[in-house]
Amino acid sequence: MPARADINPADIKPLLPDVMIWSAIEPFPIRLVGDHIVNFVGGNNTGKSATDGMPESAAAAMRGVILDVIAAKAARFRFGRAFWLPKKDYRFFEAAYLPLSADGENVDMILGGIKFDFID
């Protein structure tokens, strides 16, 4: 697992609008949210819990993905409809969740990438 320090934002500049970073410590606060994600969800959730404002079923699914990445120390991928946003639940997304580790053993952050369809 790479460390957060191994990732130079300048090297992935075109991807940054679609990137999120979560802390791997409950309640999994959001550390970074890209502009495309902010625009899609309608706000910047930096500093809030990964599940803040989500319906209960969506919060359980999000928490499950994060816990799975931490336990497996491996990437996880999801795709489907944006069911966590009732007014946009017809929109599609693809997401990747990648573990990061400062010590190479324990997941301390999760790097995510998410793409939404942009059809209105």
PDB file of N, CA and C in Angstrom:
ATOM      1  N   MET A   1       0.848  -1.181   0.000  1.00  0.00           N
ATOM      2  CA  MET A   1       0.000   0.000   0.000  1.00  0.00           C
ATOM      3  C   MET A   1       0.886   1.235   0.000  1.00  0.00           C
ATOM      4  N   PRO A   2       0.604   2.159  -0.880  1.00  0.00           N
ATOM      5  CA  PRO A   2       1.357   3.406  -0.837  1.00  0.00           C
ATOM      6  C   PRO A   2       0.907   4.268   0.340  1.00  0.00           C
ATOM      7  N   ALA A   3       1.751   5.202   0.701  1.00  0.00           N
ATOM      8  CA  ALA A   3       1.402   6.195   1.720  1.00  0.00           C
ATOM      9  C   ALA A   3       0.825   7.419   1.025  1.00  0.00           C
ATOM     10  N   ARG A   4       0.097   8.213   1.764  1.00  0.00           N
ATOM     11  CA  ARG A   4      -0.419   9.471   1.208  1.00  0.00           C
ATOM     12  C   ARG A   4       0.757  10.323   0.713  1.00  0.00           C
ATOM     13  N   ALA A   5       1.875  10.285   1.422  1.00  0.00           N
ATOM     14  CA  ALA A   5       3.058  11.060   1.044  1.00  0.00           C
ATOM     15  C   ALA A   5       3.641  10.619  -0.298  1.00  0.00           C
ATOM     16  N   ASP A   6       3.312   9.411  -0.751  1.00  0.00           N
ATOM     17  CA  ASP A   6       3.802   8.907  -2.033  1.00  0.00           C
ATOM     18  C   ASP A   6       3.049   9.495  -3.223  1.00  0.00           C
ATOM     19  N   ILE A   7       1.950  10.149  -2.956  1.00  0.00           N
ATOM     20  CA  ILE A   7       1.102  10.677  -4.026  1.00  0.00           C
ATOM     21  C   ILE A   7       1.302  12.184  -4.129  1.00  0.00           C
ATOM     22  N   ASN A   8       1.837  12.596  -5.249  1.00  0.00           N
ATOM     23  CA  ASN A   8       2.051  14.016  -5.511  1.00  0.00           C
ATOM     24  C   ASN A   8       0.854  14.538  -6.308  1.00  0.00           C
ATOM     25  N   PRO A   9       0.043  15.419  -5.713  1.00  0.00           N
ATOM     26  CA  PRO A   9      -1.139  15.917  -6.420  1.00  0.00           C
ATOM     27  C   PRO A   9      -0.815  16.500  -7.802  1.00  0.00           C
ATOM     28  N   ALA A  10       0.352  17.078  -7.964  1.00  0.00           N
ATOM     29  CA  ALA A  10       0.731  17.643  -9.268  1.00  0.00           C
ATOM     30  C   ALA A  10       0.825  16.554 -10.338  1.00  0.00           C
ATOM     31  N   ASP A  11       1.140  15.331  -9.926  1.00  0.00           N
ATOM     32  CA  ASP A  11       1.255  14.223 -10.877  1.00  0.00           C
ATOM     33  C   ASP A  11      -0.099  13.703 -11.353  1.00  0.00           C
ATOM     34  N   ILE A  12      -1.147  13.999 -10.601  1.00  0.00           N
ATOM     35  CA  ILE A  12      -2.489  13.513 -10.963  1.00  0.00           C
ATOM     36  C   ILE A  12      -3.484  14.672 -11.100  1.00  0.00           C
ATOM     37  N   LYS A  13      -2.961  15.824 -11.449  1.00  0.00           N
ATOM     38  CA  LYS A  13      -3.788  17.032 -11.506  1.00  0.00           C
ATOM     39  C   LYS A  13      -5.096  16.863 -12.301  1.00  0.00           C
ATOM     40  N   PRO A  14      -5.082  16.210 -13.469  1.00  0.00           N
ATOM     41  CA  PRO A  14      -6.344  16.052 -14.209  1.00  0.00           C
ATOM     42  C   PRO A  14      -7.389  15.201 -13.471  1.00  0.00           C
ATOM     43  N   LEU A  15      -6.941  14.366 -12.543  1.00  0.00           N
ATOM     44  CA  LEU A  15      -7.855  13.485 -11.808  1.00  0.00           C
ATOM     45  C   LEU A  15      -8.435  14.124 -10.549  1.00  0.00           C
ATOM     46  N   LEU A  16      -7.804  15.172 -10.031  1.00  0.00           N
ATOM     47  CA  LEU A  16      -8.175  15.738  -8.737  1.00  0.00           C
ATOM     48  C   LEU A  16      -9.646  16.137  -8.596  1.00  0.00           C
ATOM     49  N   PRO A  17     -10.329  16.629  -9.630  1.00  0.00           N
ATOM     50  CA  PRO A  17     -11.744  16.971  -9.451  1.00  0.00           C
ATOM     51  C   PRO A  17     -12.628  15.770  -9.112  1.00  0.00           C
ATOM     52  N   ASP A  18     -12.138  14.552  -9.353  1.00  0.00           N
ATOM     53  CA  ASP A  18     -12.914  13.338  -9.114  1.00  0.00           C
ATOM     54  C   ASP A  18     -12.364  12.511  -7.952  1.00  0.00           C
ATOM     55  N   VAL A  19     -11.555  13.135  -7.090  1.00  0.00           N
ATOM     56  CA  VAL A  19     -10.869  12.418  -6.015  1.00  0.00           C
ATOM     57  C   VAL A  19     -11.430  12.816  -4.649  1.00  0.00           C
ATOM     58  N   MET A  20     -11.469  11.815  -3.767  1.00  0.00           N
ATOM     59  CA  MET A  20     -11.783  12.040  -2.350  1.00  0.00           C
ATOM     60  C   MET A  20     -10.749  11.299  -1.515  1.00  0.00           C
ATOM     61  N   ILE A  21     -10.530  11.799  -0.307  1.00  0.00           N
ATOM     62  CA  ILE A  21      -9.702  11.087   0.668  1.00  0.00           C
ATOM     63  C   ILE A  21     -10.469  11.066   1.989  1.00  0.00           C
ATOM     64  N   TRP A  22     -10.533   9.854   2.590  1.00  0.00           N
ATOM     65  CA  TRP A  22     -11.164   9.678   3.888  1.00  0.00           C
ATOM     66  C   TRP A  22     -10.116   9.219   4.890  1.00  0.00           C
ATOM     67  N   SER A  23     -10.274   9.615   6.139  1.00  0.00           N
ATOM     68  CA  SER A  23      -9.488   9.043   7.218  1.00  0.00           C
ATOM     69  C   SER A  23     -10.021   7.645   7.480  1.00  0.00           C
ATOM     70  N   ALA A  24      -9.165   6.720   7.880  1.00  0.00           N
ATOM     71  CA  ALA A  24      -9.576   5.348   8.160  1.00  0.00           C
ATOM     72  C   ALA A  24      -9.944   5.152   9.631  1.00  0.00           C
ATOM     73  N   ILE A  25     -10.165   6.231  10.342  1.00  0.00           N
ATOM     74  CA  ILE A  25     -10.576   6.175  11.743  1.00  0.00           C
ATOM     75  C   ILE A  25     -12.019   6.643  11.835  1.00  0.00           C
ATOM     76  N   GLU A  26     -12.867   5.827  12.470  1.00  0.00           N
ATOM     77  CA  GLU A  26     -14.291   6.197  12.587  1.00  0.00           C
ATOM     78  C   GLU A  26     -14.425   7.545  13.271  1.00  0.00           C
ATOM     79  N   PRO A  27     -15.314   8.387  12.767  1.00  0.00           N
ATOM     80  CA  PRO A  27     -16.387   8.160  11.809  1.00  0.00           C
ATOM     81  C   PRO A  27     -15.967   8.396  10.352  1.00  0.00           C
ATOM     82  N   PHE A  28     -14.727   8.155  10.038  1.00  0.00           N
ATOM     83  CA  PHE A  28     -14.190   8.255   8.680  1.00  0.00           C
ATOM     84  C   PHE A  28     -14.393   9.659   8.092  1.00  0.00           C
ATOM     85  N   PRO A  29     -13.784  10.662   8.742  1.00  0.00           N
ATOM     86  CA  PRO A  29     -13.949  12.028   8.223  1.00  0.00           C
ATOM     87  C   PRO A  29     -13.345  12.191   6.832  1.00  0.00           C
ATOM     88  N   ILE A  30     -13.996  13.020   6.073  1.00  0.00           N
ATOM     89  CA  ILE A  30     -13.549  13.328   4.713  1.00  0.00           C
ATOM     90  C   ILE A  30     -12.445  14.372   4.810  1.00  0.00           C
ATOM     91  N   ARG A  31     -11.320  14.093   4.196  1.00  0.00           N
ATOM     92  CA  ARG A  31     -10.170  15.001   4.244  1.00  0.00           C
ATOM     93  C   ARG A  31     -10.036  15.858   2.987  1.00  0.00           C
ATOM     94  N   LEU A  32     -10.559  15.362   1.868  1.00  0.00           N
ATOM     95  CA  LEU A  32     -10.430  16.078   0.597  1.00  0.00           C
ATOM     96  C   LEU A  32     -11.589  15.672  -0.302  1.00  0.00           C
ATOM     97  N   VAL A  33     -12.164  16.657  -0.988  1.00  0.00           N
ATOM     98  CA  VAL A  33     -13.237  16.387  -1.948  1.00  0.00           C
ATOM     99  C   VAL A  33     -12.956  17.191  -3.209  1.00  0.00           C
ATOM    100  N   GLY A  34     -12.920  16.521  -4.351  1.00  0.00           N
ATOM    101  CA  GLY A  34     -12.694  17.187  -5.633  1.00  0.00           C
ATOM    102  C   GLY A  34     -13.907  17.989  -6.088  1.00  0.00           C
ATOM    103  N   ASP A  35     -13.655  18.951  -6.946  1.00  0.00           N
ATOM    104  CA  ASP A  35     -14.701  19.878  -7.407  1.00  0.00           C
ATOM    105  C   ASP A  35     -15.858  19.197  -8.132  1.00  0.00           C
ATOM    106  N   HIS A  36     -15.598  18.180  -8.934  1.00  0.00           N
ATOM    107  CA  HIS A  36     -16.699  17.499  -9.629  1.00  0.00           C
ATOM    108  C   HIS A  36     -17.639  16.830  -8.621  1.00  0.00           C
ATOM    109  N   ILE A  37     -17.064  16.282  -7.564  1.00  0.00           N
ATOM    110  CA  ILE A  37     -17.874  15.634  -6.528  1.00  0.00           C
ATOM    111  C   ILE A  37     -18.680  16.677  -5.764  1.00  0.00           C
ATOM    112  N   VAL A  38     -18.037  17.780  -5.407  1.00  0.00           N
ATOM    113  CA  VAL A  38     -18.735  18.874  -4.714  1.00  0.00           C
ATOM    114  C   VAL A  38     -19.919  19.346  -5.546  1.00  0.00           C
ATOM    115  N   ASN A  39     -19.694  19.549  -6.825  1.00  0.00           N
ATOM    116  CA  ASN A  39     -20.775  20.019  -7.706  1.00  0.00           C
ATOM    117  C   ASN A  39     -21.904  18.996  -7.806  1.00  0.00           C
ATOM    118  N   PHE A  40     -21.558  17.720  -7.864  1.00  0.00           N
ATOM    119  CA  PHE A  40     -22.580  16.685  -8.012  1.00  0.00           C
ATOM    120  C   PHE A  40     -23.438  16.554  -6.750  1.00  0.00           C
ATOM    121  N   VAL A  41     -22.797  16.520  -5.597  1.00  0.00           N
ATOM    122  CA  VAL A  41     -23.552  16.329  -4.353  1.00  0.00           C
ATOM    123  C   VAL A  41     -24.149  17.623  -3.824  1.00  0.00           C
ATOM    124  N   GLY A  42     -23.675  18.757  -4.314  1.00  0.00           N
ATOM    125  CA  GLY A  42     -24.254  20.033  -3.909  1.00  0.00           C
ATOM    126  C   GLY A  42     -23.628  20.668  -2.684  1.00  0.00           C
ATOM    127  N   GLY A  43     -22.438  20.226  -2.316  1.00  0.00           N
ATOM    128  CA  GLY A  43     -21.748  20.831  -1.184  1.00  0.00           C
ATOM    129  C   GLY A  43     -20.426  20.152  -0.922  1.00  0.00           C
ATOM    130  N   ASN A  44     -19.596  20.838  -0.155  1.00  0.00           N
ATOM    131  CA  ASN A  44     -18.280  20.320   0.202  1.00  0.00           C
ATOM    132  C   ASN A  44     -18.369  19.718   1.596  1.00  0.00           C
ATOM    133  N   ASN A  45     -18.171  18.425   1.705  1.00  0.00           N
ATOM    134  CA  ASN A  45     -18.284  17.721   2.981  1.00  0.00           C
ATOM    135  C   ASN A  45     -16.951  17.511   3.681  1.00  0.00           C
ATOM    136  N   THR A  46     -15.925  18.254   3.292  1.00  0.00           N
ATOM    137  CA  THR A  46     -14.627  18.123   3.947  1.00  0.00           C
ATOM    138  C   THR A  46     -14.794  18.331   5.451  1.00  0.00           C
ATOM    139  N   GLY A  47     -14.216  17.413   6.227  1.00  0.00           N
ATOM    140  CA  GLY A  47     -14.289  17.481   7.676  1.00  0.00           C
ATOM    141  C   GLY A  47     -15.475  16.740   8.267  1.00  0.00           C
ATOM    142  N   LYS A  48     -16.454  16.409   7.454  1.00  0.00           N
ATOM    143  CA  LYS A  48     -17.629  15.682   7.940  1.00  0.00           C
ATOM    144  C   LYS A  48     -17.409  14.181   7.808  1.00  0.00           C
ATOM    145  N   SER A  49     -18.259  13.431   8.487  1.00  0.00           N
ATOM    146  CA  SER A  49     -18.215  11.978   8.393  1.00  0.00           C
ATOM    147  C   SER A  49     -18.508  11.527   6.971  1.00  0.00           C
ATOM    148  N   ALA A  50     -17.946  10.398   6.584  1.00  0.00           N
ATOM    149  CA  ALA A  50     -18.182   9.838   5.248  1.00  0.00           C
ATOM    150  C   ALA A  50     -19.659   9.577   5.003  1.00  0.00           C
ATOM    151  N   THR A  51     -20.432   9.382   6.062  1.00  0.00           N
ATOM    152  CA  THR A  51     -21.846   9.043   5.923  1.00  0.00           C
ATOM    153  C   THR A  51     -22.779  10.196   6.269  1.00  0.00           C
ATOM    154  N   ASP A  52     -22.240  11.353   6.528  1.00  0.00           N
ATOM    155  CA  ASP A  52     -23.044  12.510   6.940  1.00  0.00           C
ATOM    156  C   ASP A  52     -24.124  12.843   5.915  1.00  0.00           C
ATOM    157  N   GLY A  53     -25.358  12.924   6.378  1.00  0.00           N
ATOM    158  CA  GLY A  53     -26.461  13.318   5.522  1.00  0.00           C
ATOM    159  C   GLY A  53     -26.995  12.237   4.608  1.00  0.00           C
ATOM    160  N   MET A  54     -26.447  11.039   4.661  1.00  0.00           N
ATOM    161  CA  MET A  54     -26.911   9.946   3.793  1.00  0.00           C
ATOM    162  C   MET A  54     -28.111   9.244   4.425  1.00  0.00           C
ATOM    163  N   PRO A  55     -29.017   8.734   3.588  1.00  0.00           N
ATOM    164  CA  PRO A  55     -30.056   7.853   4.126  1.00  0.00           C
ATOM    165  C   PRO A  55     -29.390   6.650   4.809  1.00  0.00           C
ATOM    166  N   GLU A  56     -30.082   6.032   5.756  1.00  0.00           N
ATOM    167  CA  GLU A  56     -29.503   4.950   6.552  1.00  0.00           C
ATOM    168  C   GLU A  56     -28.927   3.814   5.709  1.00  0.00           C
ATOM    169  N   SER A  57     -29.641   3.408   4.661  1.00  0.00           N
ATOM    170  CA  SER A  57     -29.150   2.289   3.837  1.00  0.00           C
ATOM    171  C   SER A  57     -27.876   2.681   3.084  1.00  0.00           C
ATOM    172  N   ALA A  58     -27.815   3.909   2.620  1.00  0.00           N
ATOM    173  CA  ALA A  58     -26.622   4.383   1.914  1.00  0.00           C
ATOM    174  C   ALA A  58     -25.447   4.523   2.877  1.00  0.00           C
ATOM    175  N   ALA A  59     -25.708   5.015   4.089  1.00  0.00           N
ATOM    176  CA  ALA A  59     -24.654   5.161   5.098  1.00  0.00           C
ATOM    177  C   ALA A  59     -24.077   3.790   5.456  1.00  0.00           C
ATOM    178  N   ALA A  60     -24.945   2.788   5.589  1.00  0.00           N
ATOM    179  CA  ALA A  60     -24.482   1.433   5.901  1.00  0.00           C
ATOM    180  C   ALA A  60     -23.617   0.884   4.765  1.00  0.00           C
ATOM    181  N   ALA A  61     -24.013   1.130   3.526  1.00  0.00           N
ATOM    182  CA  ALA A  61     -23.228   0.662   2.375  1.00  0.00           C
ATOM    183  C   ALA A  61     -21.865   1.355   2.338  1.00  0.00           C
ATOM    184  N   MET A  62     -21.826   2.668   2.566  1.00  0.00           N
ATOM    185  CA  MET A  62     -20.569   3.419   2.541  1.00  0.00           C
ATOM    186  C   MET A  62     -19.637   2.933   3.652  1.00  0.00           C
ATOM    187  N   ARG A  63     -20.185   2.792   4.838  1.00  0.00           N
ATOM    188  CA  ARG A  63     -19.393   2.313   5.968  1.00  0.00           C
ATOM    189  C   ARG A  63     -18.853   0.911   5.667  1.00  0.00           C
ATOM    190  N   GLY A  64     -19.674   0.068   5.041  1.00  0.00           N
ATOM    191  CA  GLY A  64     -19.244  -1.279   4.688  1.00  0.00           C
ATOM    192  C   GLY A  64     -18.079  -1.292   3.709  1.00  0.00           C
ATOM    193  N   VAL A  65     -18.131  -0.420   2.720  1.00  0.00           N
ATOM    194  CA  VAL A  65     -17.029  -0.341   1.742  1.00  0.00           C
ATOM    195  C   VAL A  65     -15.744   0.088   2.437  1.00  0.00           C
ATOM    196  N   ILE A  66     -15.828   1.120   3.265  1.00  0.00           N
ATOM    197  CA  ILE A  66     -14.632   1.614   3.964  1.00  0.00           C
ATOM    198  C   ILE A  66     -14.060   0.526   4.871  1.00  0.00           C
ATOM    199  N   LEU A  67     -14.918  -0.118   5.656  1.00  0.00           N
ATOM    200  CA  LEU A  67     -14.439  -1.183   6.544  1.00  0.00           C
ATOM    201  C   LEU A  67     -13.830  -2.343   5.766  1.00  0.00           C
ATOM    202  N   ASP A  68     -14.383  -2.655   4.603  1.00  0.00           N
ATOM    203  CA  ASP A  68     -13.844  -3.727   3.767  1.00  0.00           C
ATOM    204  C   ASP A  68     -12.457  -3.378   3.233  1.00  0.00           C
ATOM    205  N   VAL A  69     -12.272  -2.145   2.789  1.00  0.00           N
ATOM    206  CA  VAL A  69     -10.955  -1.702   2.308  1.00  0.00           C
ATOM    207  C   VAL A  69      -9.929  -1.791   3.439  1.00  0.00           C
ATOM    208  N   ILE A  70     -10.340  -1.359   4.632  1.00  0.00           N
ATOM    209  CA  ILE A  70      -9.428  -1.390   5.782  1.00  0.00           C
ATOM    210  C   ILE A  70      -9.075  -2.832   6.151  1.00  0.00           C
ATOM    211  N   ALA A  71     -10.068  -3.698   6.230  1.00  0.00           N
ATOM    212  CA  ALA A  71      -9.825  -5.088   6.644  1.00  0.00           C
ATOM    213  C   ALA A  71      -9.027  -5.864   5.599  1.00  0.00           C
ATOM    214  N   ALA A  72      -9.358  -5.671   4.333  1.00  0.00           N
ATOM    215  CA  ALA A  72      -8.692  -6.424   3.258  1.00  0.00           C
ATOM    216  C   ALA A  72      -7.357  -5.815   2.852  1.00  0.00           C
ATOM    217  N   LYS A  73      -7.170  -4.538   3.199  1.00  0.00           N
ATOM    218  CA  LYS A  73      -5.964  -3.814   2.778  1.00  0.00           C
ATOM    219  C   LYS A  73      -5.821  -3.889   1.264  1.00  0.00           C
ATOM    220  N   ALA A  74      -6.971  -3.747   0.598  1.00  0.00           N
ATOM    221  CA  ALA A  74      -7.021  -3.899  -0.858  1.00  0.00           C
ATOM    222  C   ALA A  74      -8.080  -2.965  -1.433  1.00  0.00           C
ATOM    223  N   ALA A  75      -7.927  -2.671  -2.699  1.00  0.00           N
ATOM    224  CA  ALA A  75      -8.869  -1.799  -3.402  1.00  0.00           C
ATOM    225  C   ALA A  75     -10.237  -2.457  -3.512  1.00  0.00           C
ATOM    226  N   ARG A  76     -11.246  -1.629  -3.551  1.00  0.00           N
ATOM    227  CA  ARG A  76     -12.618  -2.073  -3.795  1.00  0.00           C
ATOM    228  C   ARG A  76     -13.225  -1.143  -4.838  1.00  0.00           C
ATOM    229  N   PHE A  77     -14.129  -1.684  -5.620  1.00  0.00           N
ATOM    230  CA  PHE A  77     -14.748  -0.922  -6.704  1.00  0.00           C
ATOM    231  C   PHE A  77     -16.262  -1.052  -6.595  1.00  0.00           C
ATOM    232  N   ARG A  78     -16.968   0.015  -6.947  1.00  0.00           N
ATOM    233  CA  ARG A  78     -18.430   0.011  -6.940  1.00  0.00           C
ATOM    234  C   ARG A  78     -18.936   0.745  -8.165  1.00  0.00           C
ATOM    235  N   PHE A  79     -20.114   0.385  -8.592  1.00  0.00           N
ATOM    236  CA  PHE A  79     -20.779   1.124  -9.658  1.00  0.00           C
ATOM    237  C   PHE A  79     -22.278   0.952  -9.458  1.00  0.00           C
ATOM    238  N   GLY A  80     -23.019   1.841 -10.033  1.00  0.00           N
ATOM    239  CA  GLY A  80     -24.479   1.762  -9.915  1.00  0.00           C
ATOM    240  C   GLY A  80     -25.098   3.139  -9.993  1.00  0.00           C
ATOM    241  N   ARG A  81     -26.196   3.287  -9.293  1.00  0.00           N
ATOM    242  CA  ARG A  81     -26.896   4.578  -9.252  1.00  0.00           C
ATOM    243  C   ARG A  81     -26.540   5.304  -7.963  1.00  0.00           C
ATOM    244  N   ALA A  82     -26.599   6.608  -7.997  1.00  0.00           N
ATOM    245  CA  ALA A  82     -26.267   7.459  -6.842  1.00  0.00           C
ATOM    246  C   ALA A  82     -27.413   7.421  -5.830  1.00  0.00           C
ATOM    247  N   PHE A  83     -27.656   6.250  -5.260  1.00  0.00           N
ATOM    248  CA  PHE A  83     -28.801   6.021  -4.379  1.00  0.00           C
ATOM    249  C   PHE A  83     -28.746   6.822  -3.081  1.00  0.00           C
ATOM    250  N   TRP A  84     -27.596   7.352  -2.739  1.00  0.00           N
ATOM    251  CA  TRP A  84     -27.451   8.129  -1.515  1.00  0.00           C
ATOM    252  C   TRP A  84     -27.955   9.571  -1.678  1.00  0.00           C
ATOM    253  N   LEU A  85     -28.270   9.961  -2.905  1.00  0.00           N
ATOM    254  CA  LEU A  85     -28.814  11.301  -3.184  1.00  0.00           C
ATOM    255  C   LEU A  85     -30.208  11.138  -3.791  1.00  0.00           C
ATOM    256  N   PRO A  86     -31.253  11.195  -2.974  1.00  0.00           N
ATOM    257  CA  PRO A  86     -32.604  10.913  -3.470  1.00  0.00           C
ATOM    258  C   PRO A  86     -33.012  11.696  -4.719  1.00  0.00           C
ATOM    259  N   LYS A  87     -32.556  12.927  -4.859  1.00  0.00           N
ATOM    260  CA  LYS A  87     -32.933  13.718  -6.041  1.00  0.00           C
ATOM    261  C   LYS A  87     -32.080  13.394  -7.268  1.00  0.00           C
ATOM    262  N   LYS A  88     -31.031  12.601  -7.071  1.00  0.00           N
ATOM    263  CA  LYS A  88     -30.151  12.223  -8.184  1.00  0.00           C
ATOM    264  C   LYS A  88     -29.960  10.714  -8.257  1.00  0.00           C
ATOM    265  N   ASP A  89     -30.876   9.963  -7.682  1.00  0.00           N
ATOM    266  CA  ASP A  89     -30.703   8.515  -7.616  1.00  0.00           C
ATOM    267  C   ASP A  89     -30.850   7.812  -8.966  1.00  0.00           C
ATOM    268  N   TYR A  90     -31.184   8.562  -9.985  1.00  0.00           N
ATOM    269  CA  TYR A  90     -31.250   8.004 -11.345  1.00  0.00           C
ATOM    270  C   TYR A  90     -29.904   8.127 -12.056  1.00  0.00           C
ATOM    271  N   ARG A  91     -28.958   8.857 -11.467  1.00  0.00           N
ATOM    272  CA  ARG A  91     -27.652   9.074 -12.085  1.00  0.00           C
ATOM    273  C   ARG A  91     -26.720   7.913 -11.768  1.00  0.00           C
ATOM    274  N   PHE A  92     -25.826   7.607 -12.682  1.00  0.00           N
ATOM    275  CA  PHE A  92     -24.897   6.504 -12.519  1.00  0.00           C
ATOM    276  C   PHE A  92     -23.528   6.986 -12.037  1.00  0.00           C
ATOM    277  N   PHE A  93     -22.809   6.089 -11.357  1.00  0.00           N
ATOM    278  CA  PHE A  93     -21.455   6.391 -10.896  1.00  0.00           C
ATOM    279  C   PHE A  93     -20.595   5.135 -11.004  1.00  0.00           C
ATOM    280  N   GLU A  94     -19.289   5.347 -11.047  1.00  0.00           N
ATOM    281  CA  GLU A  94     -18.280   4.302 -10.892  1.00  0.00           C
ATOM    282  C   GLU A  94     -17.271   4.841  -9.887  1.00  0.00           C
ATOM    283  N   ALA A  95     -16.844   3.990  -8.956  1.00  0.00           N
ATOM    284  CA  ALA A  95     -15.934   4.457  -7.907  1.00  0.00           C
ATOM    285  C   ALA A  95     -14.880   3.406  -7.586  1.00  0.00           C
ATOM    286  N   ALA A  96     -13.715   3.902  -7.194  1.00  0.00           N
ATOM    287  CA  ALA A  96     -12.621   3.058  -6.722  1.00  0.00           C
ATOM    288  C   ALA A  96     -12.201   3.571  -5.350  1.00  0.00           C
ATOM    289  N   TYR A  97     -11.919   2.650  -4.442  1.00  0.00           N
ATOM    290  CA  TYR A  97     -11.489   2.973  -3.082  1.00  0.00           C
ATOM    291  C   TYR A  97     -10.159   2.268  -2.860  1.00  0.00           C
ATOM    292  N   LEU A  98      -9.110   3.017  -2.592  1.00  0.00           N
ATOM    293  CA  LEU A  98      -7.756   2.474  -2.529  1.00  0.00           C
ATOM    294  C   LEU A  98      -7.143   2.732  -1.154  1.00  0.00           C
ATOM    295  N   PRO A  99      -6.598   1.708  -0.505  1.00  0.00           N
ATOM    296  CA  PRO A  99      -6.015   1.906   0.818  1.00  0.00           C
ATOM    297  C   PRO A  99      -4.678   2.637   0.747  1.00  0.00           C
ATOM    298  N   LEU A 100      -4.462   3.503   1.720  1.00  0.00           N
ATOM    299  CA  LEU A 100      -3.182   4.185   1.887  1.00  0.00           C
ATOM    300  C   LEU A 100      -2.659   3.863   3.280  1.00  0.00           C
ATOM    301  N   SER A 101      -1.347   3.767   3.405  1.00  0.00           N
ATOM    302  CA  SER A 101      -0.754   3.377   4.679  1.00  0.00           C
ATOM    303  C   SER A 101       0.587   4.063   4.881  1.00  0.00           C
ATOM    304  N   ALA A 102       0.708   4.798   5.971  1.00  0.00           N
ATOM    305  CA  ALA A 102       1.978   5.468   6.281  1.00  0.00           C
ATOM    306  C   ALA A 102       3.054   4.469   6.692  1.00  0.00           C
ATOM    307  N   ASP A 103       2.635   3.341   7.304  1.00  0.00           N
ATOM    308  CA  ASP A 103       3.622   2.366   7.782  1.00  0.00           C
ATOM    309  C   ASP A 103       3.689   1.088   6.943  1.00  0.00           C
ATOM    310  N   GLY A 104       2.885   1.018   5.872  1.00  0.00           N
ATOM    311  CA  GLY A 104       2.893  -0.159   5.017  1.00  0.00           C
ATOM    312  C   GLY A 104       2.131  -1.348   5.576  1.00  0.00           C
ATOM    313  N   GLU A 105       1.581  -1.213   6.775  1.00  0.00           N
ATOM    314  CA  GLU A 105       0.857  -2.310   7.426  1.00  0.00           C
ATOM    315  C   GLU A 105      -0.600  -1.967   7.725  1.00  0.00           C
ATOM    316  N   ASN A 106      -0.835  -0.766   8.195  1.00  0.00           N
ATOM    317  CA  ASN A 106      -2.163  -0.360   8.645  1.00  0.00           C
ATOM    318  C   ASN A 106      -2.733   0.713   7.732  1.00  0.00           C
ATOM    319  N   VAL A 107      -3.961   0.533   7.324  1.00  0.00           N
ATOM    320  CA  VAL A 107      -4.632   1.528   6.485  1.00  0.00           C
ATOM    321  C   VAL A 107      -4.939   2.741   7.351  1.00  0.00           C
ATOM    322  N   ASP A 108      -4.446   3.901   6.932  1.00  0.00           N
ATOM    323  CA  ASP A 108      -4.752   5.118   7.683  1.00  0.00           C
ATOM    324  C   ASP A 108      -5.587   6.116   6.883  1.00  0.00           C
ATOM    325  N   MET A 109      -5.648   5.933   5.580  1.00  0.00           N
ATOM    326  CA  MET A 109      -6.478   6.771   4.721  1.00  0.00           C
ATOM    327  C   MET A 109      -6.970   5.924   3.560  1.00  0.00           C
ATOM    328  N   ILE A 110      -8.018   6.414   2.939  1.00  0.00           N
ATOM    329  CA  ILE A 110      -8.542   5.772   1.739  1.00  0.00           C
ATOM    330  C   ILE A 110      -8.646   6.829   0.655  1.00  0.00           C
ATOM    331  N   LEU A 111      -8.016   6.538  -0.468  1.00  0.00           N
ATOM    332  CA  LEU A 111      -8.072   7.407  -1.637  1.00  0.00           C
ATOM    333  C   LEU A 111      -9.175   6.890  -2.539  1.00  0.00           C
ATOM    334  N   GLY A 112     -10.103   7.752  -2.876  1.00  0.00           N
ATOM    335  CA  GLY A 112     -11.203   7.345  -3.734  1.00  0.00           C
ATOM    336  C   GLY A 112     -11.253   8.172  -5.000  1.00  0.00           C
ATOM    337  N   GLY A 113     -11.724   7.535  -6.031  1.00  0.00           N
ATOM    338  CA  GLY A 113     -12.002   8.231  -7.281  1.00  0.00           C
ATOM    339  C   GLY A 113     -13.424   7.895  -7.678  1.00  0.00           C
ATOM    340  N   ILE A 114     -14.189   8.895  -8.067  1.00  0.00           N
ATOM    341  CA  ILE A 114     -15.575   8.653  -8.457  1.00  0.00           C
ATOM    342  C   ILE A 114     -15.914   9.475  -9.685  1.00  0.00           C
ATOM    343  N   LYS A 115     -16.572   8.818 -10.614  1.00  0.00           N
ATOM    344  CA  LYS A 115     -17.034   9.481 -11.843  1.00  0.00           C
ATOM    345  C   LYS A 115     -18.537   9.315 -11.923  1.00  0.00           C
ATOM    346  N   PHE A 116     -19.197  10.403 -12.253  1.00  0.00           N
ATOM    347  CA  PHE A 116     -20.638  10.403 -12.426  1.00  0.00           C
ATOM    348  C   PHE A 116     -20.958  10.615 -13.901  1.00  0.00           C
ATOM    349  N   ASP A 117     -22.109  10.115 -14.337  1.00  0.00           N
ATOM    350  CA  ASP A 117     -22.548  10.512 -15.673  1.00  0.00           C
ATOM    351  C   ASP A 117     -22.987  11.970 -15.544  1.00  0.00           C
ATOM    352  N   PHE A 118     -22.824  12.725 -16.570  1.00  0.00           N
ATOM    353  CA  PHE A 118     -23.164  14.143 -16.497  1.00  0.00           C
ATOM    354  C   PHE A 118     -24.332  14.479 -17.408  1.00  0.00           C
ATOM    355  N   ILE A 119     -25.237  13.538 -17.526  1.00  0.00           N
ATOM    356  CA  ILE A 119     -26.438  13.756 -18.332  1.00  0.00           C
ATOM    357  C   ILE A 119     -27.514  14.323 -17.420  1.00  0.00           C
ATOM    358  N   ASP A 120     -28.079  15.453 -17.780  1.00  0.00           N
ATOM    359  CA  ASP A 120     -29.164  16.039 -16.965  1.00  0.00           C
ATOM    360  C   ASP A 120     -30.504  15.778 -17.574  1.00  0.00           C
TER     361      ASP A 120
END
